[in-house]
Amino acid sequence: MIVASNKSILLVALGLFGFATLLARLPVATSAQEIKKSWQAVAPGRVEPWSGEIRIGSPVVGRIGEVLVKVNDRVFAGEALIRIDDEEVRTRHAKLEAQLKLRKRARPASPPTKDAARRKVEDATADAEQAVVEGRSGVDRAAAARRAGSGSEDAVTAALAALSSGQEQLKQRQAELASFEASAPATQPTELEEQFAMARIDLRGAEAALDNLIIRAPIAGTILQLNVRVGELASPSAPQPLVMLGDISALRVRVELDERDFGAIRIGRPVVVRSPAFPGRNIAGTVSMIAQIIQPGRIGARGPRNLTDIDVAEVMVDLAEPGPLAVGMKVSVYFGDYPGRDGIPQTWQYPFVQGEP
């Protein structure tokens, strides 16, 4: 009985020993250090819109009269964001507009035969310029009405189409005027015609100054930040932009790669992006740009640089899909060299462990 019991114990011990030996042979990653052996490089990065963060300041000094958008608003290219009050600019524009009307009435209705062709081309160009000015004002009114709830998206679309048509017409008229001036013989205009031409030029400058009082979106995107309120003074030398916007339909990561890893990566190679805010979430990306300059790092820099700080190369990573990431979020970017399933190499799909970001 005792012998049988001893045999049973021996068999159990041998079985446990064999199982332990099998487990020891399995390639199980048990630490962050072992897992990181699968990466060519790991570097910090910051998420940004694929368009970059567009910082918009004021081109002139003036008091903010109206803020037309809010944070997270979607805007189209050319949409009015902020209006600046400047009574002097508006008064000058009104004065020059009235002066042009007086000059127009003073010039002869029928010019001399030698000037008729030139007048026709110049008048057509000036009319096209005025149509663009009025078209832009129409877009501004339609967009403001839509945001106020009294307009529609269709009205904005129609106004944009009218403005685009007017801009194409202006290009044609300007080309016709340039062609005429290149081929027509030089003539001396009458004094009244010269005065009228100067009044047109003055008004064109006043219209440009008036349009500078409207800060517009340079691209279609989302308002990410507003640093302005009605009544504040805007200035080109302000330390921070009035508006920051970007196209967040796609995201990218601006990475600071240690210069020692510069030779380990290539454009087009896959990466994995991870954020401490979303443990266990892998987001696939691709290296799209590697800057050919080494410089001090800026991500997370606070205060003066230490002598132990490393120099880095800027790398851009395009994300396959933004996932839960937000603009400005700090992430860790893992560079590898092996294609795999769903854009993430299979050998990289390890679980998160203690000590790994």
Protein backbone atom coordinates (compact mmCIF):
# COMPACT_ATOMS: atom_id res chain seq x y z
CA MET A 1 0.00 0.00 0.00
CA ILE A 2 2.84 2.31 0.92
CA VAL A 3 4.69 1.39 -2.31
CA ALA A 4 1.63 2.24 -4.44
CA SER A 5 1.29 5.57 -2.71
CA ASN A 6 4.94 6.39 -3.34
CA LYS A 7 4.53 5.49 -7.03
CA SER A 8 1.56 7.85 -7.31
CA ILE A 9 3.50 10.69 -5.71
CA LEU A 10 6.42 10.04 -8.06
CA LEU A 11 4.18 10.11 -11.13
CA VAL A 12 2.56 13.40 -10.05
CA ALA A 13 5.97 14.94 -9.43
CA LEU A 14 7.23 13.86 -12.84
CA GLY A 15 4.09 15.28 -14.49
CA LEU A 16 4.49 18.65 -12.79
CA PHE A 17 8.17 18.73 -13.72
CA GLY A 18 7.36 18.07 -17.37
CA PHE A 19 4.66 20.77 -17.44
CA ALA A 20 7.02 23.30 -15.89
CA THR A 21 9.68 22.44 -18.46
CA LEU A 22 7.19 23.00 -21.30
CA LEU A 23 6.15 26.39 -19.93
CA ALA A 24 9.76 27.43 -19.62
CA ARG A 25 10.27 26.78 -23.33
CA LEU A 26 7.30 28.95 -24.43
CA PRO A 27 8.28 32.49 -25.74
CA VAL A 28 6.25 34.45 -23.18
CA ALA A 29 7.04 38.15 -22.70
CA THR A 30 7.03 38.83 -18.99
CA SER A 31 8.46 42.31 -18.77
CA ALA A 32 8.52 45.60 -20.59
CA GLN A 33 12.22 45.10 -21.32
CA GLU A 34 11.56 41.81 -23.14
CA ILE A 35 8.69 43.31 -25.13
CA LYS A 36 10.71 46.32 -26.22
CA LYS A 37 13.24 44.03 -27.86
CA SER A 38 10.64 43.71 -30.66
CA TRP A 39 10.87 47.43 -31.48
CA GLN A 40 13.50 49.18 -33.54
CA ALA A 41 12.84 52.41 -31.67
CA VAL A 42 10.38 53.99 -29.25
CA ALA A 43 9.85 57.76 -29.16
CA PRO A 44 7.47 60.35 -27.68
CA GLY A 45 5.08 62.26 -29.91
CA ARG A 46 2.18 64.65 -29.88
CA VAL A 47 -1.07 64.30 -31.84
CA GLU A 48 -2.03 67.07 -34.26
CA PRO A 49 -4.44 67.60 -37.18
CA TRP A 50 -3.18 66.33 -40.52
CA SER A 51 -3.21 69.95 -41.69
CA GLY A 52 -1.14 71.01 -38.70
CA GLU A 53 -2.30 73.52 -36.12
CA ILE A 54 -3.11 76.72 -38.03
CA ARG A 55 -2.53 79.72 -35.77
CA ILE A 56 -4.28 82.87 -36.95
CA GLY A 57 -3.39 86.32 -35.69
CA SER A 58 -4.61 89.79 -36.53
CA PRO A 59 -3.05 91.57 -39.53
CA VAL A 60 -3.94 94.99 -38.07
CA VAL A 61 -4.28 96.74 -34.74
CA GLY A 62 -7.90 97.19 -33.72
CA ARG A 63 -10.62 96.39 -31.23
CA ILE A 64 -12.54 93.14 -31.60
CA GLY A 65 -16.08 93.99 -32.71
CA GLU A 66 -17.53 90.53 -33.24
CA VAL A 67 -16.52 86.88 -32.75
CA LEU A 68 -18.52 84.81 -35.22
CA VAL A 69 -17.50 81.26 -34.24
CA LYS A 70 -17.11 79.01 -31.20
CA VAL A 71 -14.70 76.25 -30.24
CA ASN A 72 -15.45 72.99 -32.12
CA ASP A 73 -17.30 74.83 -34.92
CA ARG A 74 -16.66 73.51 -38.43
CA VAL A 75 -15.72 76.30 -40.86
CA PHE A 76 -15.11 76.46 -44.61
CA ALA A 77 -12.12 78.05 -46.30
CA GLY A 78 -12.62 81.81 -46.43
CA GLU A 79 -15.33 81.92 -43.75
CA ALA A 80 -15.34 85.04 -41.57
CA LEU A 81 -14.24 84.23 -38.00
CA ILE A 82 -13.69 87.62 -36.35
CA ARG A 83 -14.52 91.21 -37.24
CA ILE A 84 -12.31 94.09 -36.10
CA ASP A 85 -13.74 97.56 -35.61
CA ASP A 86 -11.87 100.46 -37.23
CA GLU A 87 -14.02 103.48 -37.94
CA GLU A 88 -11.22 105.29 -39.74
CA VAL A 89 -10.86 102.52 -42.34
CA ARG A 90 -14.62 102.35 -42.90
CA THR A 91 -14.89 106.11 -43.25
CA ARG A 92 -12.06 106.25 -45.76
CA HIS A 93 -13.69 103.48 -47.81
CA ALA A 94 -17.02 105.31 -47.88
CA LYS A 95 -15.29 108.55 -48.89
CA LEU A 96 -13.39 106.95 -51.77
CA GLU A 97 -16.50 105.11 -52.95
CA ALA A 98 -18.37 108.43 -53.19
CA GLN A 99 -15.39 110.04 -54.92
CA LEU A 100 -15.33 107.29 -57.56
CA LYS A 101 -19.00 107.90 -58.33
CA LEU A 102 -18.30 111.61 -58.82
CA ARG A 103 -15.38 110.88 -61.16
CA LYS A 104 -17.52 108.46 -63.13
CA ARG A 105 -20.20 111.11 -63.70
CA ALA A 106 -17.56 113.66 -64.72
CA ARG A 107 -15.93 111.64 -67.48
CA PRO A 108 -17.50 111.71 -70.96
CA ALA A 109 -20.13 109.08 -71.71
CA SER A 110 -18.55 108.41 -75.11
CA PRO A 111 -14.74 108.38 -75.14
CA PRO A 112 -12.66 109.24 -78.19
CA THR A 113 -12.45 106.43 -80.73
CA LYS A 114 -8.79 105.73 -79.91
CA ASP A 115 -9.68 105.18 -76.21
CA ALA A 116 -12.94 103.23 -76.67
CA ALA A 117 -11.37 99.76 -76.74
CA ARG A 118 -9.21 100.42 -73.67
CA ARG A 119 -12.16 101.83 -71.70
CA LYS A 120 -14.25 98.76 -72.54
CA VAL A 121 -11.61 96.32 -71.27
CA GLU A 122 -10.80 98.35 -68.15
CA ASP A 123 -14.47 98.80 -67.25
CA ALA A 124 -15.10 95.06 -67.66
CA THR A 125 -12.20 94.27 -65.31
CA ALA A 126 -13.37 96.80 -62.72
CA ASP A 127 -16.92 95.41 -62.85
CA ALA A 128 -15.54 91.88 -62.30
CA GLU A 129 -13.53 93.12 -59.30
CA GLN A 130 -16.63 94.69 -57.78
CA ALA A 131 -18.61 91.49 -58.38
CA VAL A 132 -16.03 89.53 -56.35
CA VAL A 133 -16.23 92.06 -53.50
CA GLU A 134 -20.01 91.80 -53.46
CA GLY A 135 -19.85 87.99 -53.75
CA ARG A 136 -17.58 87.76 -50.71
CA SER A 137 -19.97 89.96 -48.75
CA GLY A 138 -22.81 87.69 -49.81
CA VAL A 139 -20.94 84.64 -48.48
CA ASP A 140 -20.32 86.41 -45.17
CA ARG A 141 -24.00 87.28 -44.79
CA ALA A 142 -25.13 83.74 -45.66
CA ALA A 143 -22.66 82.15 -43.22
CA ALA A 144 -23.63 84.53 -40.41
CA ALA A 145 -27.33 83.86 -41.02
CA ARG A 146 -26.76 80.10 -40.93
CA ARG A 147 -24.93 80.30 -37.60
CA ALA A 148 -27.68 82.54 -36.21
CA GLY A 149 -30.30 79.98 -37.23
CA SER A 150 -32.01 82.22 -39.78
CA GLY A 151 -30.18 80.85 -42.83
CA SER A 152 -29.57 77.48 -44.45
CA GLU A 153 -26.67 75.41 -45.72
CA ASP A 154 -28.10 75.68 -49.23
CA ALA A 155 -27.89 79.47 -49.09
CA VAL A 156 -24.21 79.26 -48.10
CA THR A 157 -23.51 76.79 -50.90
CA ALA A 158 -25.21 79.06 -53.44
CA ALA A 159 -23.26 82.10 -52.21
CA LEU A 160 -19.97 80.19 -52.44
CA ALA A 161 -20.81 79.09 -55.98
CA ALA A 162 -21.56 82.69 -56.97
CA LEU A 163 -18.27 83.87 -55.46
CA SER A 164 -16.31 81.14 -57.25
CA SER A 165 -17.96 82.07 -60.56
CA GLY A 166 -17.12 85.73 -59.99
CA GLN A 167 -13.48 84.90 -59.24
CA GLU A 168 -13.17 82.91 -62.46
CA GLN A 169 -14.74 85.77 -64.39
CA LEU A 170 -12.25 88.19 -62.83
CA LYS A 171 -9.30 86.02 -63.90
CA GLN A 172 -10.58 86.07 -67.48
CA ARG A 173 -11.04 89.84 -67.48
CA GLN A 174 -7.59 90.42 -66.00
CA ALA A 175 -6.05 88.18 -68.66
CA GLU A 176 -7.89 90.10 -71.38
CA LEU A 177 -6.67 93.42 -69.95
CA ALA A 178 -3.07 92.19 -69.77
CA SER A 179 -3.25 90.94 -73.36
CA PHE A 180 -4.73 94.25 -74.53
CA GLU A 181 -2.05 96.33 -72.79
CA ALA A 182 0.69 94.15 -74.27
CA SER A 183 -0.53 94.56 -77.84
CA ALA A 184 -2.30 97.94 -77.97
CA PRO A 185 -0.32 101.04 -78.93
CA ALA A 186 0.46 103.48 -76.13
CA THR A 187 -2.01 106.37 -75.88
CA GLN A 188 -2.28 109.39 -73.63
CA PRO A 189 -5.59 109.29 -71.70
CA THR A 190 -7.51 112.48 -71.03
CA GLU A 191 -7.23 114.20 -67.67
CA LEU A 192 -10.71 113.04 -66.63
CA GLU A 193 -9.88 109.45 -67.53
CA GLU A 194 -6.68 109.64 -65.47
CA GLN A 195 -8.57 111.00 -62.48
CA PHE A 196 -11.17 108.25 -62.79
CA ALA A 197 -8.44 105.57 -63.02
CA MET A 198 -6.74 106.94 -59.89
CA ALA A 199 -10.06 106.94 -58.03
CA ARG A 200 -10.48 103.26 -58.95
CA ILE A 201 -7.02 102.42 -57.61
CA ASP A 202 -7.65 104.31 -54.36
CA LEU A 203 -10.94 102.49 -53.85
CA ARG A 204 -9.30 99.13 -54.53
CA GLY A 205 -6.80 99.84 -51.75
CA ALA A 206 -9.56 100.92 -49.37
CA GLU A 207 -11.49 97.72 -50.08
CA ALA A 208 -8.38 95.65 -49.29
CA ALA A 209 -7.94 97.54 -46.01
CA LEU A 210 -11.61 96.95 -45.18
CA ASP A 211 -11.30 93.25 -45.90
CA ASN A 212 -8.28 93.09 -43.57
CA LEU A 213 -10.67 93.87 -40.73
CA ILE A 214 -12.29 90.45 -41.28
CA ILE A 215 -10.18 87.52 -40.10
CA ARG A 216 -11.00 84.50 -42.26
CA ALA A 217 -10.31 80.77 -42.12
CA PRO A 218 -7.43 79.93 -44.49
CA ILE A 219 -8.57 76.30 -44.76
CA ALA A 220 -11.66 74.22 -44.03
CA GLY A 221 -11.38 72.76 -40.54
CA THR A 222 -12.47 72.83 -36.91
CA ILE A 223 -11.97 75.67 -34.44
CA LEU A 224 -9.64 74.20 -31.81
CA GLN A 225 -9.00 77.27 -29.69
CA LEU A 226 -10.24 80.85 -29.31
CA ASN A 227 -8.12 83.35 -27.40
CA VAL A 228 -10.21 86.46 -27.93
CA ARG A 229 -13.32 88.23 -26.67
CA VAL A 230 -15.35 91.14 -27.96
CA GLY A 231 -13.86 94.46 -26.88
CA GLU A 232 -10.27 93.25 -26.57
CA LEU A 233 -7.48 94.84 -28.56
CA ALA A 234 -6.02 92.75 -31.37
CA SER A 235 -2.48 93.29 -32.62
CA PRO A 236 -0.08 91.55 -35.05
CA SER A 237 2.50 91.44 -32.23
CA ALA A 238 0.22 89.59 -29.77
CA PRO A 239 2.07 86.65 -28.11
CA GLN A 240 -0.68 84.15 -28.84
CA PRO A 241 -2.94 83.66 -31.87
CA LEU A 242 -6.54 84.80 -31.86
CA VAL A 243 -7.72 81.50 -33.34
CA MET A 244 -6.23 78.05 -33.78
CA LEU A 245 -7.88 75.66 -36.21
CA GLY A 246 -7.08 72.45 -38.03
CA ASP A 247 -8.55 69.75 -40.22
CA ILE A 248 -9.19 66.86 -37.80
CA SER A 249 -10.82 64.59 -40.38
CA ALA A 250 -7.48 62.77 -40.11
CA LEU A 251 -4.74 62.96 -37.49
CA ARG A 252 -0.99 62.60 -37.46
CA VAL A 253 1.69 62.42 -34.79
CA ARG A 254 4.73 64.68 -34.65
CA VAL A 255 7.45 62.48 -33.16
CA GLU A 256 10.82 63.37 -31.66
CA LEU A 257 13.14 60.47 -32.46
CA ASP A 258 16.41 60.09 -30.58
CA GLU A 259 19.26 60.82 -32.99
CA ARG A 260 20.78 57.44 -32.08
CA ASP A 261 17.75 55.74 -33.71
CA PHE A 262 17.85 57.88 -36.86
CA GLY A 263 19.16 55.08 -39.07
CA ALA A 264 16.66 52.51 -37.78
CA ILE A 265 13.54 53.85 -39.48
CA ARG A 266 12.39 54.47 -43.04
CA ILE A 267 9.51 56.30 -44.72
CA GLY A 268 6.58 53.96 -45.28
CA ARG A 269 7.40 51.69 -42.33
CA PRO A 270 4.54 50.76 -39.96
CA VAL A 271 4.31 52.00 -36.37
CA VAL A 272 2.08 51.49 -33.37
CA VAL A 273 0.84 54.48 -31.38
CA ARG A 274 -0.16 54.08 -27.73
CA SER A 275 -1.52 56.53 -25.20
CA PRO A 276 -1.57 56.16 -21.39
CA ALA A 277 -5.14 57.47 -21.54
CA PHE A 278 -6.25 54.29 -23.38
CA PRO A 279 -4.35 51.30 -21.95
CA GLY A 280 -4.38 48.27 -24.21
CA ARG A 281 -5.33 50.24 -27.32
CA ASN A 282 -3.00 49.98 -30.35
CA ILE A 283 -3.42 52.50 -33.18
CA ALA A 284 -1.69 51.77 -36.48
CA GLY A 285 0.26 54.40 -38.37
CA THR A 286 2.85 54.88 -41.09
CA VAL A 287 6.01 56.99 -41.21
CA SER A 288 5.35 59.75 -43.76
CA MET A 289 8.24 62.18 -43.18
CA ILE A 290 11.70 62.15 -41.60
CA ALA A 291 13.35 65.55 -41.18
CA GLN A 292 16.97 65.69 -42.31
CA ILE A 293 18.08 67.85 -39.40
CA ILE A 294 18.91 67.05 -35.78
CA GLN A 295 17.84 69.63 -33.20
CA PRO A 296 16.89 69.94 -29.53
CA GLY A 297 13.65 68.27 -28.48
CA ARG A 298 10.59 70.36 -27.64
CA ILE A 299 7.92 67.87 -26.55
CA GLY A 300 7.45 68.18 -22.83
CA ALA A 301 10.19 70.77 -22.49
CA ARG A 302 9.70 72.93 -19.40
CA GLY A 303 12.23 75.60 -18.55
CA PRO A 304 15.87 75.74 -19.68
CA ARG A 305 17.39 72.75 -21.43
CA ASN A 306 19.65 70.50 -19.36
CA LEU A 307 23.06 69.37 -20.56
CA THR A 308 21.79 65.79 -20.44
CA ASP A 309 18.94 66.48 -22.88
CA ILE A 310 19.15 64.54 -26.15
CA ASP A 311 18.93 65.87 -29.67
CA VAL A 312 16.20 64.51 -31.91
CA ALA A 313 14.99 64.23 -35.48
CA GLU A 314 11.41 65.21 -36.22
CA VAL A 315 9.36 62.39 -37.71
CA MET A 316 5.78 62.58 -38.97
CA VAL A 317 3.44 59.59 -38.59
CA ASP A 318 0.09 59.42 -40.40
CA LEU A 319 -2.55 57.52 -38.43
CA ALA A 320 -4.68 54.95 -40.24
CA GLU A 321 -7.65 56.11 -38.17
CA PRO A 322 -7.76 58.66 -35.34
CA GLY A 323 -9.51 56.38 -32.86
CA PRO A 324 -10.02 58.02 -29.48
CA LEU A 325 -6.99 60.32 -29.70
CA ALA A 326 -7.39 64.09 -29.33
CA VAL A 327 -5.29 66.93 -30.72
CA GLY A 328 -2.42 67.81 -28.40
CA MET A 329 -2.35 64.43 -26.66
CA LYS A 330 1.07 62.97 -25.80
CA VAL A 331 1.64 59.45 -27.08
CA SER A 332 4.39 56.86 -27.42
CA VAL A 333 5.29 55.71 -30.92
CA TYR A 334 6.75 52.24 -31.50
CA PHE A 335 8.72 51.73 -34.72
CA GLY A 336 9.06 48.25 -36.21
CA ASP A 337 9.85 46.51 -39.46
CA TYR A 338 7.36 43.66 -39.95
CA PRO A 339 4.01 43.78 -41.79
CA GLY A 340 1.04 42.15 -40.07
CA ARG A 341 -2.71 41.98 -39.62
CA ASP A 342 -4.83 45.18 -39.68
CA GLY A 343 -1.76 47.37 -40.17
CA ILE A 344 -0.29 46.25 -36.81
CA PRO A 345 2.47 43.62 -37.00
CA GLN A 346 1.41 40.42 -35.30
CA THR A 347 4.70 40.19 -33.42
CA TRP A 348 3.90 43.60 -31.91
CA GLN A 349 0.50 42.66 -30.51
CA TYR A 350 1.70 42.00 -27.00
CA PRO A 351 -0.40 42.84 -23.97
CA PHE A 352 0.52 45.93 -21.99
CA VAL A 353 2.67 45.13 -18.98
CA GLN A 354 3.88 46.97 -15.94
CA GLY A 355 6.37 49.68 -16.89
CA GLU A 356 5.40 49.97 -20.61
CA PRO A 357 3.57 53.11 -21.81
